[in-house]
Protein backbone atom coordinates (compact mmCIF):
# COMPACT_ATOMS: atom_id res chain seq x y z
CA MET A 1 -6.74 -1.18 -6.27
CA PRO A 2 -3.57 -1.35 -3.97
CA ASP A 3 -2.32 1.77 -2.29
CA PHE A 4 0.18 3.53 -4.46
CA VAL A 5 2.25 6.64 -3.77
CA ASN A 6 1.58 8.47 -6.95
CA ALA A 7 -0.83 8.79 -9.84
CA ALA A 8 1.50 7.29 -12.36
CA GLN A 9 1.59 3.99 -10.51
CA GLN A 10 -2.17 4.00 -10.31
CA ARG A 11 -2.47 4.69 -14.06
CA VAL A 12 -0.03 1.91 -14.97
CA PHE A 13 -1.65 -0.66 -12.62
CA ALA A 14 -5.14 0.10 -14.03
CA ARG A 15 -3.84 -0.20 -17.65
CA LEU A 16 -2.11 -3.52 -17.08
CA ASN A 17 -5.17 -4.99 -15.25
CA ALA A 18 -7.55 -3.74 -18.10
CA PRO A 19 -5.81 -6.00 -19.45
CA VAL A 20 -3.27 -5.35 -22.33
CA ARG A 21 -4.66 -7.28 -25.26
CA THR A 22 -3.23 -5.40 -28.31
CA GLN A 23 -0.74 -3.08 -29.77
CA ASP A 24 -3.16 -0.17 -29.16
CA ASP A 25 -3.33 -1.07 -25.44
CA LEU A 26 0.46 -0.86 -25.30
CA LEU A 27 0.40 2.58 -27.04
CA ARG A 28 -2.08 3.74 -24.39
CA LEU A 29 0.30 2.54 -21.70
CA PHE A 30 3.42 4.24 -23.09
CA VAL A 31 1.86 7.33 -24.69
CA THR A 32 -1.20 8.14 -22.58
CA ASP A 33 0.02 6.92 -19.20
CA LEU A 34 3.75 7.49 -19.36
CA GLY A 35 4.08 10.46 -21.75
CA PHE A 36 6.05 8.95 -24.64
CA GLU A 37 5.53 9.97 -28.28
CA ARG A 38 3.61 7.73 -30.64
CA ILE A 39 5.74 6.48 -33.60
CA GLU A 40 4.27 3.18 -35.00
CA GLN A 41 6.94 2.93 -37.69
CA PRO A 42 7.65 -0.62 -39.11
CA ILE A 43 11.21 -2.04 -38.96
CA PRO A 44 11.81 -3.73 -42.29
CA PRO A 45 13.80 -7.10 -42.18
CA ARG A 46 16.84 -5.83 -44.06
CA ASP A 47 20.43 -6.93 -44.22
CA ASP A 48 21.78 -3.58 -42.93
CA THR A 49 19.81 -4.02 -39.66
CA PHE A 50 19.88 -7.77 -39.01
CA GLY A 51 22.77 -9.02 -41.08
CA ARG A 52 22.40 -12.20 -43.11
CA GLY A 53 22.13 -14.84 -40.40
CA GLN A 54 19.65 -16.14 -37.88
CA ALA A 55 18.49 -12.63 -36.76
CA LEU A 56 17.35 -11.80 -40.32
CA GLU A 57 15.40 -14.98 -40.59
CA LEU A 58 13.70 -14.37 -37.32
CA ALA A 59 12.91 -10.82 -38.40
CA LYS A 60 11.33 -12.05 -41.58
CA ARG A 61 8.99 -14.29 -39.53
CA SER A 62 8.14 -11.56 -37.07
CA ARG A 63 6.33 -8.16 -36.99
CA LEU A 64 8.60 -5.40 -35.77
CA LEU A 65 8.03 -1.73 -35.34
CA ARG A 66 9.17 1.27 -33.39
CA LEU A 67 6.07 1.69 -31.26
CA ALA A 68 6.83 4.88 -29.35
CA GLY A 69 9.80 6.92 -28.16
CA HIS A 70 11.30 10.03 -26.80
CA GLY A 71 14.32 11.60 -28.53
CA ASP A 72 16.82 8.90 -29.33
CA PHE A 73 15.02 6.44 -26.97
CA GLN A 74 12.92 3.79 -28.66
CA ILE A 75 10.22 1.34 -27.50
CA ILE A 76 10.39 -1.52 -29.97
CA TYR A 77 7.43 -3.86 -30.32
CA THR A 78 7.79 -7.42 -31.77
CA GLU A 79 5.26 -10.07 -32.46
CA LEU A 80 6.67 -13.64 -32.39
CA ASP A 81 5.01 -16.80 -33.52
CA GLY A 82 5.25 -20.05 -31.64
CA ASP A 83 3.66 -21.60 -28.54
CA ARG A 84 5.83 -19.60 -25.99
CA LEU A 85 7.93 -16.46 -25.77
CA ASP A 86 11.40 -18.10 -25.63
CA TYR A 87 14.28 -16.11 -24.39
CA THR A 88 16.66 -17.22 -27.18
CA ARG A 89 14.74 -15.50 -30.01
CA GLN A 90 14.27 -12.39 -27.82
CA ARG A 91 18.08 -12.21 -27.25
CA ILE A 92 18.98 -12.58 -30.81
CA LEU A 93 16.57 -9.99 -32.05
CA ALA A 94 17.24 -7.46 -29.35
CA THR A 95 21.03 -7.78 -29.68
CA LYS A 96 20.84 -6.93 -33.41
CA LEU A 97 18.31 -4.14 -32.89
CA LEU A 98 20.56 -2.59 -30.27
CA GLU A 99 23.19 -2.04 -32.90
CA THR A 100 20.93 0.44 -34.53
CA TRP A 101 18.95 1.71 -31.64
CA PRO A 102 21.31 1.52 -28.58
CA ASP A 103 18.81 3.07 -26.23
CA ALA A 104 15.65 0.92 -26.39
CA LEU A 105 13.05 -0.92 -24.37
CA PHE A 106 11.63 -4.07 -25.99
CA VAL A 107 8.11 -5.59 -25.92
CA PHE A 108 7.76 -9.09 -27.22
CA ALA A 109 4.21 -10.36 -27.79
CA ARG A 110 3.12 -13.99 -28.63
CA LYS A 111 1.29 -13.59 -31.90
CA GLY A 112 -1.30 -16.32 -31.17
CA THR A 113 -2.49 -14.62 -27.94
CA ILE A 114 -3.10 -11.08 -29.26
CA GLY A 115 -6.66 -9.93 -28.64
CA GLN A 116 -7.51 -12.63 -26.16
CA PRO A 117 -9.93 -11.46 -23.36
CA GLY A 118 -7.54 -12.26 -20.64
CA GLY A 119 -4.76 -10.29 -22.13
CA ALA A 120 -1.92 -11.16 -24.55
CA GLU A 121 1.27 -12.86 -23.47
CA MET A 122 3.97 -10.22 -23.52
CA HIS A 123 7.41 -9.61 -22.10
CA ILE A 124 8.57 -6.06 -21.48
CA VAL A 125 12.39 -6.54 -21.66
CA ASN A 126 15.25 -4.23 -20.61
CA VAL A 127 18.82 -4.97 -21.70
CA LYS A 128 21.49 -3.71 -19.32
CA GLY A 129 25.06 -3.74 -20.26
CA ASP A 130 27.01 -3.30 -23.51
CA ALA A 131 29.09 -5.97 -25.17
CA ALA A 132 31.12 -3.32 -27.10
CA THR A 133 32.47 -1.94 -23.75
CA GLY A 134 33.02 -5.44 -22.17
CA VAL A 135 29.98 -5.19 -19.86
CA ARG A 136 27.99 -8.39 -20.06
CA ARG A 137 24.43 -7.85 -21.25
CA VAL A 138 21.66 -8.86 -18.79
CA PHE A 139 18.08 -9.35 -19.99
CA ARG A 140 15.48 -8.37 -17.42
CA ARG A 141 11.72 -8.54 -17.98
CA PHE A 142 8.20 -8.06 -16.69
CA ARG A 143 5.63 -10.53 -17.91
CA LEU A 144 2.05 -9.55 -18.96
CA GLY A 145 -0.79 -11.99 -19.52
CA PRO A 146 -3.36 -14.11 -17.90
CA GLY A 147 -2.68 -14.93 -14.23
CA GLU A 148 0.00 -12.34 -13.82
CA GLN A 149 0.10 -9.88 -10.85
CA TYR A 150 1.00 -6.32 -11.59
CA ARG A 151 1.64 -4.36 -8.37
CA THR A 152 5.44 -4.55 -8.64
CA ALA A 153 5.39 -4.06 -12.46
CA ALA A 154 3.24 -0.97 -11.97
CA GLU A 155 5.48 0.51 -9.32
CA ARG A 156 8.62 -0.06 -11.44
CA LEU A 157 7.26 0.88 -14.80
CA ALA A 158 5.81 4.21 -13.34
CA LEU A 159 9.49 5.29 -12.96
CA LEU A 160 9.46 5.72 -16.65
CA ASP A 161 6.77 8.45 -16.49
CA ILE A 162 8.01 11.41 -18.37
CA SER A 163 4.73 13.35 -18.49
CA ALA A 164 6.10 16.03 -16.20
CA THR A 165 9.65 16.00 -17.54
CA PRO A 166 9.39 16.36 -21.36
CA ASP A 167 13.02 17.73 -21.59
CA ILE A 168 14.48 14.60 -20.03
CA THR A 169 17.61 13.47 -21.89
CA THR A 170 18.24 10.00 -23.38
CA LEU A 171 20.90 9.38 -20.68
CA GLU A 172 18.51 10.28 -17.91
CA LEU A 173 15.82 8.15 -19.37
CA ARG A 174 18.29 5.23 -19.72
CA GLU A 175 19.16 5.54 -15.98
CA ARG A 176 15.46 5.57 -15.06
CA LEU A 177 14.96 2.44 -17.15
CA ASP A 178 17.86 0.60 -15.48
CA ALA A 179 16.46 1.65 -12.03
CA ALA A 180 12.99 0.39 -12.96
CA PHE A 181 14.32 -3.04 -13.81
CA ASP A 182 16.80 -3.22 -10.92
CA VAL A 183 16.37 -6.71 -9.47
CA GLU A 184 18.18 -5.93 -6.27
CA ALA A 185 15.83 -3.10 -5.53
CA VAL A 186 12.70 -5.17 -6.36
CA THR A 187 14.09 -8.02 -4.18
CA LYS A 188 14.79 -5.71 -1.24
CA ARG A 189 11.36 -4.18 -1.41
CA PHE A 190 9.78 -7.66 -1.41
CA PHE A 191 11.70 -8.79 1.73
CA ASP A 192 11.10 -5.51 3.48
CA ASP A 193 7.32 -5.96 2.95
CA TYR A 194 7.55 -9.66 3.92
CA LYS A 195 9.30 -8.68 7.22
CA THR A 196 6.63 -6.12 8.03
CA VAL A 197 3.77 -8.56 7.31
CA PHE A 198 5.49 -11.38 9.31
CA ASN A 199 6.19 -9.24 12.36
CA ASP A 200 2.58 -7.94 12.44
CA LEU A 201 1.09 -11.44 12.01
CA GLN A 202 3.44 -12.97 14.65
CA GLN A 203 2.52 -10.30 17.17
CA ARG A 204 -1.20 -10.76 16.66
CA LEU A 205 -0.88 -14.55 16.97
CA ALA A 206 1.19 -14.17 20.11
CA ARG A 207 -1.33 -11.88 21.75
CA THR A 208 -4.04 -14.34 21.04
CA SER A 209 -2.26 -17.54 21.92
CA ARG A 210 0.19 -16.23 24.47
CA ASP A 211 2.73 -18.63 22.91
CA LYS A 212 5.52 -16.66 21.21
CA ALA A 213 7.33 -19.81 19.83
CA TRP A 214 4.16 -21.19 18.32
CA ALA A 215 3.19 -17.78 16.91
CA HIS A 216 6.57 -17.44 15.19
CA ASP A 217 6.48 -20.96 13.70
CA TYR A 218 2.87 -20.64 12.57
CA ALA A 219 3.41 -17.20 10.91
CA LEU A 220 6.40 -18.47 9.10
CA GLN A 221 4.66 -21.60 7.85
CA LEU A 222 1.59 -19.63 6.78
CA LEU A 223 3.50 -16.97 4.81
CA ASN A 224 5.86 -19.48 3.23
């Protein structure tokens, strides 16, 4: 297991690598590892939630439920059919669901992969922004499933750990959620780590070869 700075990161990393195969595994992630409350309440495909257009038709073909939550904050789980988890259907459903539950984190699972030994294909999706206030909505996600690497996801999702802060407000939780999915922060961390590894490798090669130019070029080519 990689070195992590706190127990929450270790728990999340272990859970993701277990791997996550089913709805119950997700419950263990959010309830056991991160401290949310179990809900598991189905969301009926009704007109008053989804309107009478495309979102309603998608809802009728999908399995939706409020999986877990904390106060007014919801974690909404959706099983989608098809051969891939396309972004368009995620956007349509999430946009409608946010009208009823404005503070929510979404998990979209591809129905045909649930229960597979290598893990189900899932997207954990954060929607930042609010069309009602003129702020363009941005959909950001972590992917779960076969072949995925989880160090970054574990570090970021661990920011949602509320085990030690049961009195956290919905606003504070929303701020944590936006920070967890902050692309700029994740990108900066990647390049900071890359720079550290590159410098270390370059110095080792230079000491061995006594050719600084070659060491620089070789380290760059190898890491790229």
